[in-house]
Amino acid sequence: MPDELKPVKVSEIVKDITKSFDSSITTAWYSNLLGFLSGSKSFYVLLIISGIVVFVSAMAGANAVNIGYRHAYGLSREVVFGILISTYIFFAVTSTGISIVSSIGHVFGVKDFMPIAMRSVFLAVATLFAGFTVIFLDIENPFRMAIYNAISPNLTSNIWWMGTLYGAKLVFLAIEFILLLIAYNKLAMYAGLLGLLSGVAAISNLGAVFGMLHGREFWYGPYIPIYLITSAIASGCAAIIFFTYLGYKVNNEMMDKPMQRAMEVVGKLCTLMVAIIMFFTAWKIITGFVAAPGKVEAIKAMLSGPYSFNFWVFEVSLGMVIPFILLLWSKGKNINMMFTASTLMIIGIFIMRYDLVVVGQIVPSYHELGVNEYPSILTYRPSFYEIMVVLGGMGIVAVSFLIGERVFKGHKSEIH
């Protein structure tokens, strides 16, 4: 038999792969796994609490599926999007923002951003996975949706494109993180670029889901797709500062000079993006008062109505003004002040996403035509099951973060 036709033994292929695999990588991973067992008492307490939250939330979500979404969730025929949709947006947009900020370093080669690469990519995966988990429990038939998304795609649907692109982004991010772990930095750069492009395309489609609804004046128009991309960078910066600070606390380490510099430039970028968001918000209100009657009513509900506390306290004060002052005051060097600002931003942005989703639905349809089926604006209150699912999503991020910090030893990398 000619040499080229000889059968190849599987054992020989495995042997060749084993020889070519760098044994130091296996040793390093084994060392990292052992390091997980050497965490502090407070680390394990936080991990156990986060794990319990995830478990209890999973049970609540399963029970909601069993009794039926219409009975378990606080939604109605008129208000069909609730806190689970806004939480999905919060996680998905934050994941995209983290990807955008981290790509400045290891994709586009800006040296000051490179130290944040490993942790940022890991966090982008964790937050996007949490977002998928939340929306999984919001869809009545998620498995059917996944099947028909593949076998019967609707290329004219923004929701189809959003789900497909975010799914692709999750795959690219996972590949990117693995490549960074094994120090294939050039290939990781290409995976990161694909993840960035798919993420930006996905978030613009997410905005189009709302912005192309003619029947909802509060959402309709080109504002939301652009706003989401801008605010994604701000939320991404806040998440990077927040988790980097906690990461060094968990590992009981001091930041080195390159990481301090990275935090400084991320803090300055965050300051700029907060200023832009304030600009966007101001013009949203100004133009809203000369828009269709339905949008005017929604704006009034935010400024002086039932959602005014959310808007002025969480969105404006905690989400923009106070963090902006703290970030300016810190000059990117006071990490404790930056951590406080990022914490406030995360809280404020979470409520910001909630208001974006809910306020867009509270004005009854055909309001401008004088149809008085509902005498006032509509109401929505999250149910116990919805709140538990939200806490479960946050618990997933917390568990992933804590395990990642110990297993990967602070996500240290040598990217050049």
Protein backbone atom coordinates (compact mmCIF):
# COMPACT_ATOMS: atom_id res chain seq x y z
CA MET A 1 0.00 0.00 0.00
CA PRO A 2 1.46 3.45 -0.87
CA ASP A 3 2.53 5.59 2.04
CA GLU A 4 -0.07 8.24 1.34
CA LEU A 5 -2.87 5.66 1.63
CA LYS A 6 -1.76 4.12 4.92
CA PRO A 7 -4.39 4.47 7.69
CA VAL A 8 -3.60 6.92 10.45
CA LYS A 9 -3.98 5.66 14.00
CA VAL A 10 -5.89 7.85 16.44
CA SER A 11 -3.38 7.01 19.16
CA GLU A 12 -0.56 8.45 17.06
CA ILE A 13 -2.49 11.71 16.55
CA VAL A 14 -3.16 12.02 20.28
CA LYS A 15 0.50 11.29 20.99
CA ASP A 16 1.63 14.03 18.60
CA ILE A 17 -0.77 16.54 20.13
CA THR A 18 0.40 15.62 23.62
CA LYS A 19 4.02 16.14 22.63
CA SER A 20 3.29 19.51 21.06
CA PHE A 21 1.29 20.74 24.04
CA ASP A 22 3.35 22.87 26.39
CA SER A 23 3.47 21.01 29.69
CA SER A 24 4.08 24.28 31.51
CA ILE A 25 0.51 25.34 30.69
CA THR A 26 -0.87 22.21 32.35
CA THR A 27 1.36 22.82 35.36
CA ALA A 28 0.22 26.44 35.59
CA TRP A 29 -3.46 25.52 35.42
CA TYR A 30 -2.98 22.83 38.05
CA SER A 31 -1.27 25.39 40.27
CA ASN A 32 -4.16 27.78 39.76
CA LEU A 33 -6.69 25.14 40.76
CA LEU A 34 -4.71 24.51 43.92
CA GLY A 35 -4.67 28.25 44.52
CA PHE A 36 -8.45 28.21 44.56
CA LEU A 37 -8.29 26.13 47.73
CA SER A 38 -6.10 28.69 49.48
CA GLY A 39 -8.60 31.57 49.54
CA SER A 40 -9.42 33.57 52.63
CA LYS A 41 -12.39 32.86 54.89
CA SER A 42 -14.25 35.95 53.63
CA PHE A 43 -13.74 34.77 50.04
CA TYR A 44 -15.47 31.46 50.71
CA VAL A 45 -18.24 33.18 52.66
CA LEU A 46 -18.96 35.44 49.67
CA LEU A 47 -18.75 32.49 47.30
CA ILE A 48 -21.20 30.43 49.36
CA ILE A 49 -23.65 33.33 49.68
CA SER A 50 -23.48 33.98 45.92
CA GLY A 51 -23.96 30.28 45.22
CA ILE A 52 -27.00 30.14 47.49
CA VAL A 53 -28.49 33.16 45.70
CA VAL A 54 -28.02 31.46 42.34
CA PHE A 55 -29.54 28.20 43.59
CA VAL A 56 -32.59 29.83 45.21
CA SER A 57 -33.12 32.01 42.13
CA ALA A 58 -32.91 28.96 39.87
CA MET A 59 -35.59 27.24 41.95
CA ALA A 60 -37.78 30.35 41.76
CA GLY A 61 -37.29 30.55 37.99
CA ALA A 62 -38.16 26.86 37.58
CA ASN A 63 -41.28 27.37 39.69
CA ALA A 64 -42.26 30.36 37.54
CA VAL A 65 -42.00 28.16 34.45
CA ASN A 66 -44.15 25.55 36.16
CA ILE A 67 -46.98 27.84 37.24
CA GLY A 68 -46.89 29.94 34.08
CA TYR A 69 -45.37 33.29 33.23
CA ARG A 70 -48.71 35.08 33.16
CA HIS A 71 -49.30 34.18 36.80
CA ALA A 72 -45.71 34.45 38.07
CA TYR A 73 -44.65 37.72 36.45
CA GLY A 74 -46.14 41.19 36.92
CA LEU A 75 -46.59 41.80 33.20
CA SER A 76 -49.84 42.46 31.37
CA ARG A 77 -51.18 42.79 27.86
CA GLU A 78 -50.28 46.48 27.88
CA VAL A 79 -46.88 46.30 29.65
CA VAL A 80 -45.19 43.32 28.04
CA PHE A 81 -41.55 44.17 28.82
CA GLY A 82 -40.51 44.27 32.47
CA ILE A 83 -37.50 44.14 34.72
CA LEU A 84 -36.20 40.93 33.16
CA ILE A 85 -35.86 42.63 29.78
CA SER A 86 -34.19 45.68 31.35
CA THR A 87 -31.83 43.41 33.29
CA TYR A 88 -30.94 41.55 30.11
CA ILE A 89 -30.19 44.90 28.47
CA PHE A 90 -28.11 45.93 31.50
CA PHE A 91 -25.93 42.80 31.30
CA ALA A 92 -25.71 42.70 27.49
CA VAL A 93 -24.83 46.38 27.17
CA THR A 94 -22.30 46.15 30.02
CA SER A 95 -20.68 43.14 28.35
CA THR A 96 -20.38 45.06 25.09
CA GLY A 97 -18.96 48.07 26.91
CA ILE A 98 -16.34 45.94 28.64
CA SER A 99 -15.38 44.45 25.26
CA ILE A 100 -15.05 47.88 23.66
CA VAL A 101 -12.85 49.25 26.44
CA SER A 102 -10.63 46.15 26.68
CA SER A 103 -10.21 46.02 22.89
CA ILE A 104 -8.53 49.43 22.97
CA GLY A 105 -5.54 47.62 24.43
CA HIS A 106 -5.05 44.14 23.06
CA VAL A 107 -6.89 44.67 19.74
CA PHE A 108 -5.84 48.20 18.80
CA GLY A 109 -2.51 48.19 20.62
CA VAL A 110 -2.89 51.04 23.12
CA LYS A 111 -0.37 49.95 25.75
CA ASP A 112 -2.01 51.63 28.75
CA PHE A 113 -5.15 49.50 28.35
CA MET A 114 -3.39 46.14 28.02
CA PRO A 115 -3.22 45.18 31.75
CA ILE A 116 -7.04 45.01 31.97
CA ALA A 117 -7.41 42.59 29.03
CA MET A 118 -7.66 39.19 30.74
CA ARG A 119 -10.07 40.17 33.50
CA SER A 120 -12.17 42.29 31.13
CA VAL A 121 -12.68 39.51 28.59
CA PHE A 122 -13.61 37.12 31.39
CA LEU A 123 -16.10 39.63 32.81
CA ALA A 124 -17.58 40.23 29.35
CA VAL A 125 -18.27 36.50 29.05
CA ALA A 126 -19.73 36.30 32.57
CA THR A 127 -22.05 39.30 32.18
CA LEU A 128 -23.30 38.22 28.76
CA PHE A 129 -23.96 34.69 30.05
CA ALA A 130 -25.90 36.19 32.97
CA GLY A 131 -27.93 38.26 30.51
CA PHE A 132 -28.77 35.19 28.44
CA THR A 133 -29.81 33.34 31.60
CA VAL A 134 -32.19 36.13 32.61
CA ILE A 135 -33.83 36.41 29.21
CA PHE A 136 -33.98 32.60 29.00
CA LEU A 137 -36.36 32.71 31.97
CA ASP A 138 -38.35 35.57 30.42
CA ILE A 139 -39.15 33.68 27.21
CA GLU A 140 -42.01 31.22 27.52
CA ASN A 141 -40.51 28.72 25.06
CA PRO A 142 -36.76 29.44 24.97
CA PHE A 143 -35.77 26.08 23.47
CA ARG A 144 -38.27 26.48 20.65
CA MET A 145 -36.91 29.97 20.04
CA ALA A 146 -33.33 28.65 19.82
CA ILE A 147 -34.33 25.88 17.40
CA TYR A 148 -36.31 28.12 15.06
CA ASN A 149 -33.68 30.82 15.28
CA ALA A 150 -31.41 28.37 13.47
CA ILE A 151 -33.78 26.50 11.13
CA SER A 152 -36.16 29.36 10.28
CA PRO A 153 -34.26 32.66 10.48
CA ASN A 154 -36.11 35.91 9.90
CA LEU A 155 -33.50 38.19 8.36
CA THR A 156 -35.84 41.18 8.54
CA SER A 157 -36.19 40.90 12.33
CA ASN A 158 -34.03 43.05 14.60
CA ILE A 159 -34.62 40.61 17.44
CA TRP A 160 -33.32 37.72 15.32
CA TRP A 161 -30.19 39.67 14.43
CA MET A 162 -29.72 40.76 18.06
CA GLY A 163 -29.90 37.20 19.40
CA THR A 164 -27.71 35.78 16.64
CA LEU A 165 -25.06 38.48 16.94
CA TYR A 166 -24.93 38.26 20.72
CA GLY A 167 -24.62 34.48 20.45
CA ALA A 168 -21.71 34.94 18.05
CA LYS A 169 -20.18 37.50 20.39
CA LEU A 170 -20.30 35.04 23.29
CA VAL A 171 -18.49 32.43 21.19
CA PHE A 172 -15.83 34.91 20.05
CA LEU A 173 -15.27 36.15 23.61
CA ALA A 174 -14.86 32.60 24.93
CA ILE A 175 -12.35 31.81 22.17
CA GLU A 176 -10.53 35.07 22.85
CA PHE A 177 -10.20 34.30 26.55
CA ILE A 178 -8.87 30.80 25.88
CA LEU A 179 -6.33 32.18 23.41
CA LEU A 180 -5.20 34.78 25.93
CA LEU A 181 -4.79 32.03 28.53
CA ILE A 182 -2.47 30.02 26.31
CA ALA A 183 -0.64 33.19 25.19
CA TYR A 184 -1.70 33.06 21.53
CA ASN A 185 -2.00 36.84 21.57
CA LYS A 186 -2.14 37.41 17.83
CA LEU A 187 -5.02 34.98 17.36
CA ALA A 188 -6.66 36.45 20.47
CA MET A 189 -6.49 39.85 18.81
CA TYR A 190 -8.45 38.59 15.80
CA ALA A 191 -11.01 36.86 18.02
CA GLY A 192 -11.32 40.07 20.03
CA LEU A 193 -11.88 42.08 16.86
CA LEU A 194 -14.64 39.70 15.75
CA GLY A 195 -16.18 39.88 19.22
CA LEU A 196 -16.04 43.67 19.13
CA LEU A 197 -17.67 43.94 15.70
CA SER A 198 -20.41 41.45 16.54
CA GLY A 199 -21.01 43.18 19.89
CA VAL A 200 -21.38 46.66 18.39
CA ALA A 201 -23.67 45.28 15.68
CA ALA A 202 -25.71 43.43 18.32
CA ILE A 203 -26.15 46.45 20.56
CA SER A 204 -27.24 48.61 17.63
CA ASN A 205 -29.84 45.97 16.76
CA LEU A 206 -30.91 45.90 20.38
CA GLY A 207 -31.51 49.64 20.17
CA ALA A 208 -33.36 49.18 16.90
CA VAL A 209 -35.77 46.75 18.59
CA PHE A 210 -37.05 49.77 20.50
CA GLY A 211 -36.21 52.61 18.11
CA MET A 212 -38.20 51.15 15.20
CA LEU A 213 -41.48 50.78 17.11
CA HIS A 214 -43.76 53.43 15.62
CA GLY A 215 -46.43 52.84 18.23
CA ARG A 216 -44.17 53.82 21.15
CA GLU A 217 -43.25 57.49 20.83
CA PHE A 218 -40.87 57.39 23.80
CA TRP A 219 -38.66 54.85 22.02
CA TYR A 220 -39.17 55.64 18.36
CA GLY A 221 -36.30 57.28 16.47
CA PRO A 222 -32.51 56.92 16.04
CA TYR A 223 -31.71 58.00 19.62
CA ILE A 224 -31.66 54.65 21.46
CA PRO A 225 -29.21 52.70 19.20
CA ILE A 226 -26.64 55.52 19.43
CA TYR A 227 -27.32 56.12 23.12
CA LEU A 228 -26.84 52.44 23.99
CA ILE A 229 -23.44 52.28 22.30
CA THR A 230 -22.31 55.41 24.14
CA SER A 231 -23.66 54.34 27.51
CA ALA A 232 -22.17 50.86 26.98
CA ILE A 233 -18.67 52.33 27.15
CA ALA A 234 -19.55 54.15 30.38
CA SER A 235 -21.02 51.05 31.99
CA GLY A 236 -18.07 49.00 30.72
CA CYS A 237 -15.60 51.41 32.31
CA ALA A 238 -17.54 51.33 35.59
CA ALA A 239 -17.59 47.53 35.61
CA ILE A 240 -13.85 47.29 34.88
CA ILE A 241 -12.99 49.71 37.70
CA PHE A 242 -15.41 48.02 40.11
CA PHE A 243 -14.26 44.44 39.51
CA THR A 244 -10.57 45.29 39.19
CA TYR A 245 -10.66 46.96 42.59
CA LEU A 246 -12.49 43.97 44.11
CA GLY A 247 -10.15 41.57 42.34
CA TYR A 248 -7.12 42.98 44.07
CA LYS A 249 -8.98 42.91 47.38
CA VAL A 250 -9.94 39.27 46.86
CA ASN A 251 -6.35 38.34 46.01
CA ASN A 252 -4.98 40.55 48.81
CA GLU A 253 -2.52 42.24 46.45
CA MET A 254 -1.38 45.75 45.64
CA MET A 255 -1.76 47.17 42.14
CA ASP A 256 1.46 47.46 40.18
CA LYS A 257 2.34 50.57 38.17
CA PRO A 258 0.97 49.34 34.80
CA MET A 259 -2.40 48.47 36.39
CA GLN A 260 -2.54 51.81 38.20
CA ARG A 261 -1.94 53.53 34.87
CA ALA A 262 -4.65 51.38 33.25
CA MET A 263 -7.12 52.38 35.97
CA GLU A 264 -6.20 56.02 35.42
CA VAL A 265 -6.93 55.97 31.68
CA VAL A 266 -10.11 53.92 32.17
CA GLY A 267 -11.25 56.43 34.80
CA LYS A 268 -10.64 59.35 32.45
CA LEU A 269 -12.49 57.60 29.63
CA CYS A 270 -15.35 56.93 32.04
CA THR A 271 -15.47 60.62 32.98
CA LEU A 272 -15.77 61.59 29.33
CA MET A 273 -18.52 59.08 28.65
CA VAL A 274 -20.54 60.21 31.69
CA ALA A 275 -20.36 63.77 30.37
CA ILE A 276 -21.64 62.59 26.98
CA ILE A 277 -24.49 60.66 28.62
CA MET A 278 -25.52 63.81 30.51
CA PHE A 279 -25.53 65.64 27.17
CA PHE A 280 -27.69 62.88 25.62
CA THR A 281 -30.10 62.89 28.55
CA ALA A 282 -30.54 66.66 28.49
CA TRP A 283 -31.41 66.67 24.80
CA LYS A 284 -33.72 63.69 25.18
CA ILE A 285 -35.78 65.74 27.62
CA ILE A 286 -35.63 68.98 25.60
CA THR A 287 -36.72 67.34 22.35
CA GLY A 288 -39.24 65.18 24.21
CA PHE A 289 -41.33 68.20 25.17
CA VAL A 290 -41.89 69.10 21.51
CA ALA A 291 -42.57 65.51 20.40
CA ALA A 292 -45.82 63.57 20.05
CA PRO A 293 -48.26 63.75 23.00
CA GLY A 294 -47.45 60.20 24.10
CA LYS A 295 -43.76 61.01 24.49
CA VAL A 296 -44.54 64.22 26.34
CA GLU A 297 -46.58 62.27 28.87
CA ALA A 298 -43.78 59.75 29.31
CA ILE A 299 -41.24 62.53 29.87
CA LYS A 300 -43.54 64.13 32.45
CA ALA A 301 -43.86 60.78 34.23
CA MET A 302 -40.07 60.73 34.51
CA LEU A 303 -39.57 64.32 35.62
CA SER A 304 -42.46 64.85 38.00
CA GLY A 305 -44.57 61.70 37.96
CA PRO A 306 -44.30 58.21 39.46
CA TYR A 307 -40.83 57.64 37.99
CA SER A 308 -39.34 60.94 39.10
CA PHE A 309 -37.59 59.38 42.10
CA ASN A 310 -35.93 56.83 39.84
CA PHE A 311 -34.89 59.53 37.41
CA TRP A 312 -33.59 62.24 39.73
CA VAL A 313 -32.10 60.07 42.49
CA PHE A 314 -30.79 57.04 40.59
CA GLU A 315 -30.33 58.10 36.98
CA VAL A 316 -29.19 61.69 37.46
CA SER A 317 -27.62 61.75 40.92
CA LEU A 318 -26.16 58.25 41.37
CA GLY A 319 -25.70 57.42 37.71
CA MET A 320 -24.23 60.67 36.39
CA VAL A 321 -23.67 63.74 38.56
CA ILE A 322 -22.03 62.29 41.69
CA PRO A 323 -19.82 59.82 39.76
CA PHE A 324 -18.78 62.62 37.39
CA ILE A 325 -17.70 64.79 40.33
CA LEU A 326 -15.88 61.92 42.04
CA LEU A 327 -14.09 60.88 38.86
CA LEU A 328 -12.98 64.45 38.17
CA TRP A 329 -11.84 64.86 41.76
CA SER A 330 -9.90 61.59 41.72
CA LYS A 331 -8.03 62.56 38.52
CA GLY A 332 -7.79 58.86 37.80
CA LYS A 333 -5.38 58.31 40.69
CA ASN A 334 -7.54 57.86 43.79
CA ILE A 335 -8.68 54.27 43.28
CA ASN A 336 -10.98 54.29 46.33
CA MET A 337 -12.85 57.31 45.02
CA MET A 338 -13.04 55.75 41.56
CA PHE A 339 -14.43 52.55 43.08
CA THR A 340 -17.15 54.54 44.87
CA ALA A 341 -18.02 56.33 41.63
CA SER A 342 -18.18 53.06 39.69
CA THR A 343 -20.42 51.46 42.34
CA LEU A 344 -22.85 54.37 42.17
CA MET A 345 -22.77 54.24 38.36
CA ILE A 346 -23.62 50.56 38.26
CA ILE A 347 -26.62 51.11 40.53
CA GLY A 348 -27.76 54.17 38.61
CA ILE A 349 -27.32 52.54 35.19
CA PHE A 350 -29.31 49.49 36.28
CA ILE A 351 -32.27 51.76 37.14
CA MET A 352 -31.62 53.71 33.95
CA ARG A 353 -32.18 50.56 31.90
CA TYR A 354 -35.30 49.77 33.90
CA ASP A 355 -36.78 53.22 33.28
CA LEU A 356 -35.91 53.05 29.58
CA VAL A 357 -37.91 49.84 29.19
CA VAL A 358 -40.87 50.52 31.48
CA VAL A 359 -41.50 54.24 30.87
CA GLY A 360 -41.72 53.53 27.15
CA GLN A 361 -44.85 51.43 27.79
CA ILE A 362 -46.76 53.31 30.48
CA VAL A 363 -48.58 55.67 28.12
CA PRO A 364 -51.65 53.82 26.74
CA SER A 365 -51.82 53.23 23.01
CA TYR A 366 -53.77 55.80 20.99
CA HIS A 367 -53.37 58.30 23.81
CA GLU A 368 -52.99 61.15 21.30
CA LEU A 369 -56.31 60.17 19.69
CA GLY A 370 -58.24 60.70 22.92
CA VAL A 371 -58.99 57.02 23.53
CA ASN A 372 -59.76 56.82 27.24
CA GLU A 373 -59.78 53.07 27.80
CA TYR A 374 -57.26 53.76 30.55
CA PRO A 375 -57.81 57.05 32.42
CA SER A 376 -54.14 57.45 33.43
CA ILE A 377 -50.73 56.05 32.72
CA LEU A 378 -50.25 52.32 33.10
CA THR A 379 -48.54 50.73 36.07
CA TYR A 380 -46.06 47.90 36.45
CA ARG A 381 -44.48 46.37 39.52
CA PRO A 382 -41.96 43.49 39.38
CA SER A 383 -43.18 40.31 41.01
CA PHE A 384 -41.29 38.20 43.52
CA TYR A 385 -40.30 35.74 40.80
CA GLU A 386 -38.95 38.48 38.55
CA ILE A 387 -36.86 39.92 41.37
CA MET A 388 -35.46 36.48 42.17
CA VAL A 389 -34.44 35.91 38.55
CA VAL A 390 -32.69 39.32 38.55
CA LEU A 391 -30.82 38.39 41.74
CA GLY A 392 -29.89 35.10 40.12
CA GLY A 393 -28.30 36.91 37.19
CA MET A 394 -26.28 39.05 39.58
CA GLY A 395 -25.34 35.93 41.52
CA ILE A 396 -24.00 34.31 38.35
CA VAL A 397 -21.71 37.28 37.77
CA ALA A 398 -20.58 37.23 41.41
CA VAL A 399 -19.83 33.48 41.42
CA SER A 400 -18.02 33.71 38.08
CA PHE A 401 -15.95 36.66 39.27
CA LEU A 402 -14.93 35.05 42.55
CA ILE A 403 -14.01 31.70 41.00
CA GLY A 404 -12.19 33.41 38.14
CA GLU A 405 -10.06 35.50 40.47
CA ARG A 406 -8.81 32.45 42.34
CA VAL A 407 -8.50 29.97 39.47
CA PHE A 408 -6.79 32.43 37.12
CA LYS A 409 -4.82 34.22 39.89
CA GLY A 410 -6.02 37.73 39.23
CA HIS A 411 -6.05 37.36 35.42
CA LYS A 412 -2.45 38.48 35.06
CA SER A 413 -1.16 38.48 31.51
CA GLU A 414 1.87 39.43 29.47
CA ILE A 415 0.37 40.99 26.35
CA HIS A 416 2.74 42.96 24.15
